[in-house]
Structures are given as C-alpha cells and as structure tokens.
C-alpha cells in the first residue's frame, strides 16, 4: 500500500461532505432568493420561527456559529425588518434576538422550501433520514462537551 494513500482526495470523508453541503446550499439559492434571504439568514429565521425570542449565545450554539459571524447576519435581518435585537434588561451583556411581525409572516412564504428542495436531491426518504442520523452522531462526537443533537 502506498504510504500516502490516506492523502488521496477519493479517500477523504470530509471532501464529499464539503461538496454535498456546498451543492445543497447552492440548490437553496433560487428558493431563498424569492424571499430575499441568504442560506445563513434562512437558518436564523428557522430558529426564530420556533422560538420567537432567543439569546444570541443560544442562537449561536444552535447554529454552530460564533457571534462574529451571526452579528452581520442579524444586522441584515434587522434592516429587512424581520428581527430586532435588544439588550437583556436584567443583564445588558446578553443580547436578545426577537422575531418581528414581518419575520413571522415570512414563515408562510418559506413553508414549501424544504419540500421543494427535497425534490432536487436524488435520495430516498429513508436514506435521507439515515444520513441525518449519521451526521448528528458525527456532530455529537465532534462536540462532546455540548449536546448538539438536532433530533428531539
């Protein structure tokens, strides 16, 4: 066996994960452009559609994003009128992100995006579910100090 076999691109798990992620996000673009959101903005809005109000730190943990990445996204969403940011009245170090009425209304426009996207990905529902389970196992093991499960 070649001592550099492990360095071949075809032997890397990270490469197909990276390319699949990139290509799936690209497939989202036409659906998200109809509602004037980027993929990262869409992720933030999905969290806010579940939680009308959330602490910035908790939002970052849910999305695996730091505040330096989230802040410009939130500023754009605030400019679009979908969220408002405010300091916690009890502890001003904590920033609270809250969905606005317009942000809540956007949920109706976005409701068919997951179904539309699933039709663009050539994988069975069973395989998609199994992949979801496997990816969550990877996330849990990469970040053992946190509960990163996306499944209840």
N, C-alpha and C. Protein backbone atom coordinates (compact mmCIF):
# COMPACT_ATOMS: atom_id res chain seq x y z
N UNK A 1 0.84 -1.19 0.00
CA UNK A 1 0.00 0.00 0.00
C UNK A 1 0.88 1.25 0.00
N UNK A 2 0.46 2.22 -0.76
CA UNK A 2 1.16 3.49 -0.86
C UNK A 2 1.09 4.21 0.48
N UNK A 3 2.23 4.70 0.99
CA UNK A 3 2.23 5.35 2.30
C UNK A 3 1.46 6.67 2.30
N UNK A 4 1.11 7.17 1.12
CA UNK A 4 0.34 8.40 1.02
C UNK A 4 -1.12 8.15 0.59
N UNK A 5 -1.53 6.91 0.68
CA UNK A 5 -2.90 6.53 0.28
C UNK A 5 -3.95 7.37 1.01
N UNK A 6 -3.71 7.61 2.29
CA UNK A 6 -4.69 8.37 3.09
C UNK A 6 -4.80 9.81 2.66
N UNK A 7 -3.87 10.29 1.85
CA UNK A 7 -3.92 11.68 1.39
C UNK A 7 -4.65 11.85 0.05
N UNK A 8 -5.09 10.75 -0.53
CA UNK A 8 -5.83 10.85 -1.78
C UNK A 8 -7.20 11.47 -1.51
N UNK A 9 -7.60 12.37 -2.36
CA UNK A 9 -8.89 13.03 -2.22
C UNK A 9 -10.03 12.02 -2.16
N UNK A 10 -9.94 10.98 -2.97
CA UNK A 10 -11.00 9.97 -3.01
C UNK A 10 -11.13 9.19 -1.70
N UNK A 11 -10.16 9.30 -0.82
CA UNK A 11 -10.21 8.59 0.46
C UNK A 11 -10.61 9.49 1.62
N UNK A 12 -11.04 10.69 1.32
CA UNK A 12 -11.39 11.65 2.37
C UNK A 12 -12.89 11.70 2.60
N UNK A 13 -13.34 11.48 3.81
CA UNK A 13 -14.75 11.63 4.17
C UNK A 13 -15.16 13.10 4.11
N UNK A 14 -14.25 13.98 4.50
CA UNK A 14 -14.57 15.41 4.56
C UNK A 14 -14.89 15.98 3.18
N UNK A 15 -14.29 15.45 2.14
CA UNK A 15 -14.49 16.04 0.82
C UNK A 15 -15.92 15.86 0.31
N UNK A 16 -16.49 14.64 0.30
CA UNK A 16 -17.88 14.54 -0.17
C UNK A 16 -18.85 15.29 0.75
N UNK A 17 -18.56 15.36 2.06
CA UNK A 17 -19.41 16.14 2.96
C UNK A 17 -19.37 17.61 2.58
N UNK A 18 -18.18 18.11 2.33
CA UNK A 18 -17.99 19.51 1.94
C UNK A 18 -18.72 19.82 0.63
N UNK A 19 -18.51 18.98 -0.39
CA UNK A 19 -19.11 19.23 -1.70
C UNK A 19 -20.63 19.11 -1.64
N UNK A 20 -21.13 18.10 -0.93
CA UNK A 20 -22.59 17.95 -0.79
C UNK A 20 -23.19 19.17 -0.10
N UNK A 21 -22.56 19.62 0.96
CA UNK A 21 -23.05 20.79 1.67
C UNK A 21 -23.09 22.01 0.75
N UNK A 22 -22.00 22.22 0.05
CA UNK A 22 -21.90 23.37 -0.86
C UNK A 22 -22.96 23.29 -1.96
N UNK A 23 -23.14 22.12 -2.53
CA UNK A 23 -24.10 21.96 -3.63
C UNK A 23 -25.55 22.04 -3.15
N UNK A 24 -25.83 21.53 -1.97
CA UNK A 24 -27.19 21.64 -1.43
C UNK A 24 -27.52 23.10 -1.13
N UNK A 25 -26.57 23.81 -0.54
CA UNK A 25 -26.79 25.24 -0.29
C UNK A 25 -27.01 25.98 -1.60
N UNK A 26 -26.30 25.60 -2.64
CA UNK A 26 -26.49 26.21 -3.97
C UNK A 26 -27.90 25.95 -4.48
N UNK A 27 -28.43 24.75 -4.22
CA UNK A 27 -29.79 24.42 -4.64
C UNK A 27 -30.84 25.24 -3.90
N UNK A 28 -30.52 25.66 -2.69
CA UNK A 28 -31.43 26.51 -1.93
C UNK A 28 -31.57 27.90 -2.54
N UNK A 29 -30.53 28.37 -3.18
CA UNK A 29 -30.44 29.77 -3.63
C UNK A 29 -31.68 30.25 -4.39
N UNK A 30 -32.17 29.55 -5.42
CA UNK A 30 -33.34 30.09 -6.13
C UNK A 30 -34.60 30.18 -5.25
N UNK A 31 -34.76 29.26 -4.33
CA UNK A 31 -35.92 29.29 -3.43
C UNK A 31 -35.80 30.44 -2.43
N UNK A 32 -34.59 30.62 -1.91
CA UNK A 32 -34.37 31.66 -0.91
C UNK A 32 -34.36 33.05 -1.53
N UNK A 33 -33.91 33.15 -2.77
CA UNK A 33 -33.90 34.48 -3.41
C UNK A 33 -35.32 35.00 -3.58
N UNK A 34 -36.30 34.12 -3.71
CA UNK A 34 -37.70 34.54 -3.83
C UNK A 34 -38.20 35.23 -2.56
N UNK A 35 -37.59 34.88 -1.42
CA UNK A 35 -37.98 35.52 -0.17
C UNK A 35 -36.87 36.42 0.38
N UNK A 36 -35.88 36.71 -0.47
CA UNK A 36 -34.81 37.66 -0.15
C UNK A 36 -34.01 37.28 1.09
N UNK A 37 -33.62 35.99 1.17
CA UNK A 37 -32.78 35.52 2.26
C UNK A 37 -31.57 34.77 1.72
N UNK A 38 -30.47 34.89 2.44
CA UNK A 38 -29.32 34.02 2.19
C UNK A 38 -29.56 32.72 2.97
N UNK A 39 -28.74 31.72 2.74
CA UNK A 39 -28.90 30.47 3.46
C UNK A 39 -28.71 30.66 4.96
N UNK A 40 -27.70 31.42 5.36
CA UNK A 40 -27.46 31.65 6.79
C UNK A 40 -28.61 32.43 7.41
N UNK A 41 -29.14 33.41 6.70
CA UNK A 41 -30.31 34.14 7.20
C UNK A 41 -31.50 33.20 7.36
N UNK A 42 -31.67 32.29 6.43
CA UNK A 42 -32.75 31.30 6.48
C UNK A 42 -32.60 30.42 7.73
N UNK A 43 -31.39 30.00 8.04
CA UNK A 43 -31.16 29.19 9.24
C UNK A 43 -31.57 29.96 10.49
N UNK A 44 -31.17 31.22 10.56
CA UNK A 44 -31.54 32.06 11.70
C UNK A 44 -33.06 32.17 11.80
N UNK A 45 -33.71 32.41 10.68
CA UNK A 45 -35.16 32.56 10.69
C UNK A 45 -35.84 31.26 11.11
N UNK A 46 -35.31 30.12 10.70
CA UNK A 46 -35.92 28.85 11.13
C UNK A 46 -35.88 28.71 12.65
N UNK A 47 -34.76 29.11 13.26
CA UNK A 47 -34.67 29.05 14.72
C UNK A 47 -35.69 30.02 15.34
N UNK A 48 -35.81 31.21 14.77
CA UNK A 48 -36.74 32.20 15.31
C UNK A 48 -38.20 31.83 15.06
N UNK A 49 -38.49 31.09 14.02
CA UNK A 49 -39.86 30.64 13.80
C UNK A 49 -40.26 29.63 14.87
N UNK A 50 -39.27 28.95 15.44
CA UNK A 50 -39.54 28.01 16.54
C UNK A 50 -39.53 28.71 17.90
N UNK A 51 -38.70 29.74 18.04
CA UNK A 51 -38.54 30.50 19.29
C UNK A 51 -38.67 31.96 18.96
N UNK A 52 -39.74 32.58 19.32
CA UNK A 52 -39.96 33.98 18.96
C UNK A 52 -38.86 34.91 19.47
N UNK A 53 -38.22 34.49 20.54
CA UNK A 53 -37.19 35.31 21.19
C UNK A 53 -36.10 34.36 21.67
N UNK A 54 -34.85 34.74 21.45
CA UNK A 54 -33.74 33.86 21.85
C UNK A 54 -32.50 34.69 22.16
N UNK A 55 -31.72 34.21 23.10
CA UNK A 55 -30.45 34.81 23.46
C UNK A 55 -29.46 34.57 22.33
N UNK A 56 -28.62 35.56 22.02
CA UNK A 56 -27.64 35.44 20.94
C UNK A 56 -26.73 34.23 21.14
N UNK A 57 -26.29 34.00 22.37
CA UNK A 57 -25.40 32.87 22.63
C UNK A 57 -26.09 31.55 22.31
N UNK A 58 -27.34 31.41 22.72
CA UNK A 58 -28.10 30.18 22.45
C UNK A 58 -28.32 30.01 20.95
N UNK A 59 -28.62 31.09 20.26
CA UNK A 59 -28.79 31.05 18.81
C UNK A 59 -27.51 30.55 18.14
N UNK A 60 -26.39 31.10 18.57
CA UNK A 60 -25.09 30.68 18.03
C UNK A 60 -24.80 29.21 18.28
N UNK A 61 -25.15 28.72 19.47
CA UNK A 61 -24.94 27.31 19.79
C UNK A 61 -25.80 26.42 18.90
N UNK A 62 -27.03 26.81 18.69
CA UNK A 62 -27.93 26.02 17.85
C UNK A 62 -27.44 25.92 16.41
N UNK A 63 -26.84 27.01 15.93
CA UNK A 63 -26.41 27.07 14.53
C UNK A 63 -24.92 26.80 14.34
N UNK A 64 -24.19 26.56 15.44
CA UNK A 64 -22.74 26.34 15.38
C UNK A 64 -22.04 27.56 14.75
N UNK A 65 -22.51 28.75 15.11
CA UNK A 65 -21.93 29.99 14.60
C UNK A 65 -21.54 30.88 15.77
N UNK A 66 -20.40 31.57 15.64
CA UNK A 66 -20.00 32.49 16.70
C UNK A 66 -20.66 33.85 16.49
N UNK A 67 -20.59 34.69 17.51
CA UNK A 67 -21.27 35.99 17.45
C UNK A 67 -20.69 36.88 16.34
N UNK A 68 -19.42 36.71 16.04
CA UNK A 68 -18.80 37.49 14.96
C UNK A 68 -19.39 37.15 13.59
N UNK A 69 -19.82 35.93 13.42
CA UNK A 69 -20.48 35.51 12.18
C UNK A 69 -21.96 35.89 12.20
N UNK A 70 -22.58 35.71 13.36
CA UNK A 70 -24.02 35.97 13.47
C UNK A 70 -24.38 37.45 13.42
N UNK A 71 -23.56 38.30 13.99
CA UNK A 71 -23.90 39.73 14.09
C UNK A 71 -24.20 40.36 12.74
N UNK A 72 -23.35 40.21 11.71
CA UNK A 72 -23.69 40.83 10.42
C UNK A 72 -24.97 40.24 9.81
N UNK A 73 -25.22 38.96 10.04
CA UNK A 73 -26.44 38.32 9.54
C UNK A 73 -27.66 38.94 10.22
N UNK A 74 -27.56 39.11 11.53
CA UNK A 74 -28.67 39.70 12.28
C UNK A 74 -28.90 41.16 11.91
N UNK A 75 -27.82 41.89 11.65
CA UNK A 75 -27.95 43.29 11.22
C UNK A 75 -28.74 43.35 9.91
N UNK A 76 -28.40 42.48 8.96
CA UNK A 76 -29.13 42.44 7.68
C UNK A 76 -30.59 42.07 7.89
N UNK A 77 -30.85 41.08 8.74
CA UNK A 77 -32.23 40.68 9.00
C UNK A 77 -33.00 41.80 9.69
N UNK A 78 -32.31 42.55 10.53
CA UNK A 78 -32.95 43.68 11.20
C UNK A 78 -33.27 44.78 10.18
N UNK A 79 -32.35 45.03 9.26
CA UNK A 79 -32.58 46.02 8.21
C UNK A 79 -33.76 45.64 7.32
N UNK A 80 -33.96 44.34 7.14
CA UNK A 80 -35.10 43.85 6.34
C UNK A 80 -36.40 43.87 7.13
N UNK A 81 -36.30 44.12 8.43
CA UNK A 81 -37.48 44.20 9.27
C UNK A 81 -37.98 42.86 9.79
N UNK A 82 -37.12 41.84 9.78
CA UNK A 82 -37.53 40.50 10.20
C UNK A 82 -37.21 40.19 11.66
N UNK A 83 -36.21 40.88 12.21
CA UNK A 83 -35.83 40.66 13.60
C UNK A 83 -35.52 42.00 14.25
N UNK A 84 -35.52 41.98 15.57
CA UNK A 84 -34.99 43.13 16.31
C UNK A 84 -34.06 42.59 17.39
N UNK A 85 -33.00 43.33 17.61
CA UNK A 85 -32.02 42.95 18.62
C UNK A 85 -32.12 43.94 19.76
N UNK A 86 -32.05 43.42 20.98
CA UNK A 86 -32.07 44.31 22.14
C UNK A 86 -31.30 43.68 23.29
N UNK A 87 -30.73 44.54 24.09
CA UNK A 87 -30.02 44.05 25.27
C UNK A 87 -31.03 43.56 26.29
N UNK A 88 -30.65 42.49 26.99
CA UNK A 88 -31.48 41.96 28.06
C UNK A 88 -31.55 43.01 29.16
N UNK A 89 -32.75 43.33 29.62
CA UNK A 89 -32.91 44.37 30.64
C UNK A 89 -32.28 43.98 31.97
N UNK A 90 -32.24 42.69 32.25
CA UNK A 90 -31.66 42.21 33.52
C UNK A 90 -30.14 42.15 33.44
N UNK A 91 -29.63 41.67 32.31
CA UNK A 91 -28.19 41.54 32.12
C UNK A 91 -27.84 42.10 30.74
N UNK A 92 -27.35 43.32 30.69
CA UNK A 92 -27.09 44.00 29.43
C UNK A 92 -25.99 43.36 28.58
N UNK A 93 -25.25 42.42 29.17
CA UNK A 93 -24.24 41.71 28.38
C UNK A 93 -24.89 40.72 27.42
N UNK A 94 -26.13 40.34 27.72
CA UNK A 94 -26.85 39.38 26.89
C UNK A 94 -27.71 40.09 25.85
N UNK A 95 -27.53 39.69 24.61
CA UNK A 95 -28.33 40.26 23.53
C UNK A 95 -29.47 39.29 23.22
N UNK A 96 -30.66 39.83 23.11
CA UNK A 96 -31.85 39.05 22.80
C UNK A 96 -32.23 39.34 21.35
N UNK A 97 -32.51 38.29 20.60
CA UNK A 97 -32.96 38.43 19.22
C UNK A 97 -34.42 38.01 19.19
N UNK A 98 -35.25 38.88 18.64
CA UNK A 98 -36.69 38.63 18.63
C UNK A 98 -37.23 38.77 17.21
N UNK A 99 -38.11 37.87 16.85
CA UNK A 99 -38.72 37.93 15.52
C UNK A 99 -39.77 39.04 15.51
N UNK A 100 -39.90 39.72 14.39
CA UNK A 100 -40.92 40.76 14.24
C UNK A 100 -42.15 40.16 13.56
N UNK A 101 -43.18 40.96 13.45
CA UNK A 101 -44.40 40.51 12.77
C UNK A 101 -44.07 40.14 11.31
N UNK A 102 -43.28 40.98 10.63
CA UNK A 102 -42.88 40.68 9.25
C UNK A 102 -42.06 39.41 9.17
N UNK A 103 -41.22 39.18 10.16
CA UNK A 103 -40.44 37.94 10.20
C UNK A 103 -41.33 36.73 10.37
N UNK A 104 -42.35 36.86 11.18
CA UNK A 104 -43.31 35.76 11.37
C UNK A 104 -44.10 35.51 10.09
N UNK A 105 -44.47 36.58 9.39
CA UNK A 105 -45.22 36.43 8.14
C UNK A 105 -44.39 35.75 7.06
N UNK A 106 -43.08 35.92 7.12
CA UNK A 106 -42.19 35.30 6.14
C UNK A 106 -42.25 33.77 6.20
N UNK A 107 -42.59 33.24 7.35
CA UNK A 107 -42.69 31.79 7.52
C UNK A 107 -43.66 31.18 6.51
N UNK A 108 -44.76 31.85 6.26
CA UNK A 108 -45.76 31.36 5.30
C UNK A 108 -45.15 31.25 3.90
N UNK A 109 -44.32 32.23 3.53
CA UNK A 109 -43.68 32.21 2.21
C UNK A 109 -42.61 31.12 2.11
N UNK A 110 -42.04 30.75 3.25
CA UNK A 110 -40.94 29.78 3.27
C UNK A 110 -41.40 28.34 3.47
N UNK A 111 -42.67 28.14 3.79
CA UNK A 111 -43.12 26.82 4.24
C UNK A 111 -42.90 25.69 3.24
N UNK A 112 -42.85 25.98 1.96
CA UNK A 112 -42.68 24.92 0.96
C UNK A 112 -41.23 24.70 0.52
N UNK A 113 -40.31 25.49 1.05
CA UNK A 113 -38.91 25.38 0.64
C UNK A 113 -38.34 23.98 0.94
N UNK A 114 -38.53 23.42 2.14
CA UNK A 114 -37.96 22.08 2.38
C UNK A 114 -38.47 21.02 1.40
N UNK A 115 -39.75 21.05 1.10
CA UNK A 115 -40.31 20.08 0.15
C UNK A 115 -39.73 20.30 -1.25
N UNK A 116 -39.67 21.56 -1.67
CA UNK A 116 -39.12 21.87 -2.99
C UNK A 116 -37.67 21.42 -3.09
N UNK A 117 -36.91 21.65 -2.04
CA UNK A 117 -35.51 21.26 -2.06
C UNK A 117 -35.36 19.74 -2.08
N UNK A 118 -36.20 19.05 -1.32
CA UNK A 118 -36.08 17.59 -1.26
C UNK A 118 -36.30 16.96 -2.64
N UNK A 119 -37.05 17.63 -3.50
CA UNK A 119 -37.26 17.13 -4.85
C UNK A 119 -36.03 17.33 -5.74
N UNK A 120 -35.10 18.15 -5.29
CA UNK A 120 -33.87 18.42 -6.04
C UNK A 120 -32.73 17.48 -5.65
N UNK A 121 -32.94 16.70 -4.60
CA UNK A 121 -31.86 15.86 -4.08
C UNK A 121 -32.21 14.40 -4.35
N UNK A 122 -31.40 13.71 -5.14
CA UNK A 122 -31.72 12.33 -5.54
C UNK A 122 -31.40 11.30 -4.45
N UNK A 123 -32.24 11.26 -3.43
CA UNK A 123 -32.04 10.33 -2.32
C UNK A 123 -33.42 9.97 -1.76
N UNK A 124 -33.58 8.74 -1.36
CA UNK A 124 -34.86 8.31 -0.81
C UNK A 124 -35.08 8.93 0.56
N UNK A 125 -36.33 8.98 0.99
CA UNK A 125 -36.65 9.50 2.33
C UNK A 125 -35.93 8.69 3.40
N UNK A 126 -35.87 7.38 3.23
CA UNK A 126 -35.21 6.52 4.21
C UNK A 126 -33.71 6.82 4.27
N UNK A 127 -33.08 6.94 3.09
CA UNK A 127 -31.65 7.27 3.07
C UNK A 127 -31.39 8.65 3.66
N UNK A 128 -32.27 9.60 3.36
CA UNK A 128 -32.13 10.95 3.91
C UNK A 128 -32.21 10.92 5.43
N UNK A 129 -33.15 10.16 5.96
CA UNK A 129 -33.29 10.05 7.41
C UNK A 129 -32.04 9.40 8.03
N UNK A 130 -31.56 8.33 7.42
CA UNK A 130 -30.36 7.64 7.93
C UNK A 130 -29.14 8.55 7.87
N UNK A 131 -29.01 9.31 6.81
CA UNK A 131 -27.90 10.26 6.70
C UNK A 131 -28.00 11.32 7.79
N UNK A 132 -29.20 11.79 8.04
CA UNK A 132 -29.45 12.77 9.10
C UNK A 132 -28.99 12.23 10.45
N UNK A 133 -29.33 10.98 10.74
CA UNK A 133 -28.93 10.33 12.00
C UNK A 133 -27.40 10.24 12.09
N UNK A 134 -26.78 9.81 11.01
CA UNK A 134 -25.31 9.66 10.99
C UNK A 134 -24.63 11.02 11.18
N UNK A 135 -25.10 12.04 10.49
CA UNK A 135 -24.49 13.37 10.62
C UNK A 135 -24.63 13.90 12.03
N UNK A 136 -25.77 13.64 12.66
CA UNK A 136 -25.94 14.08 14.05
C UNK A 136 -25.01 13.32 15.00
N UNK A 137 -24.75 12.06 14.72
CA UNK A 137 -23.77 11.31 15.52
C UNK A 137 -22.39 11.95 15.40
N UNK A 138 -22.04 12.33 14.19
CA UNK A 138 -20.75 12.99 13.97
C UNK A 138 -20.69 14.30 14.75
N UNK A 139 -21.75 15.11 14.66
CA UNK A 139 -21.78 16.38 15.40
C UNK A 139 -21.65 16.16 16.90
N UNK A 140 -22.35 15.17 17.42
CA UNK A 140 -22.25 14.88 18.86
C UNK A 140 -20.84 14.50 19.26
N UNK A 141 -20.19 13.69 18.45
CA UNK A 141 -18.85 13.23 18.79
C UNK A 141 -17.78 14.29 18.57
N UNK A 142 -18.00 15.17 17.63
CA UNK A 142 -17.05 16.26 17.40
C UNK A 142 -17.12 17.25 18.56
N UNK A 143 -18.30 17.48 19.07
CA UNK A 143 -18.52 18.46 20.13
C UNK A 143 -19.08 17.78 21.37
N UNK A 144 -18.33 16.85 21.93
CA UNK A 144 -18.82 16.07 23.07
C UNK A 144 -19.20 16.91 24.27
N UNK A 145 -18.58 18.07 24.42
CA UNK A 145 -18.88 18.89 25.58
C UNK A 145 -20.25 19.56 25.48
N UNK A 146 -20.87 19.52 24.31
CA UNK A 146 -22.19 20.14 24.12
C UNK A 146 -23.18 19.08 23.68
N UNK A 147 -24.45 19.28 23.98
CA UNK A 147 -25.49 18.44 23.41
C UNK A 147 -25.89 19.09 22.10
N UNK A 148 -25.42 18.50 21.00
CA UNK A 148 -25.64 19.10 19.68
C UNK A 148 -26.70 18.38 18.88
N UNK A 149 -27.47 17.53 19.50
CA UNK A 149 -28.47 16.77 18.77
C UNK A 149 -29.51 17.68 18.14
N UNK A 150 -29.77 17.44 16.87
CA UNK A 150 -30.80 18.19 16.18
C UNK A 150 -32.14 17.44 16.29
N UNK A 151 -32.08 16.23 16.81
CA UNK A 151 -33.28 15.40 16.94
C UNK A 151 -33.71 15.39 18.39
N UNK A 152 -34.99 15.60 18.62
CA UNK A 152 -35.52 15.57 19.99
C UNK A 152 -35.56 14.15 20.51
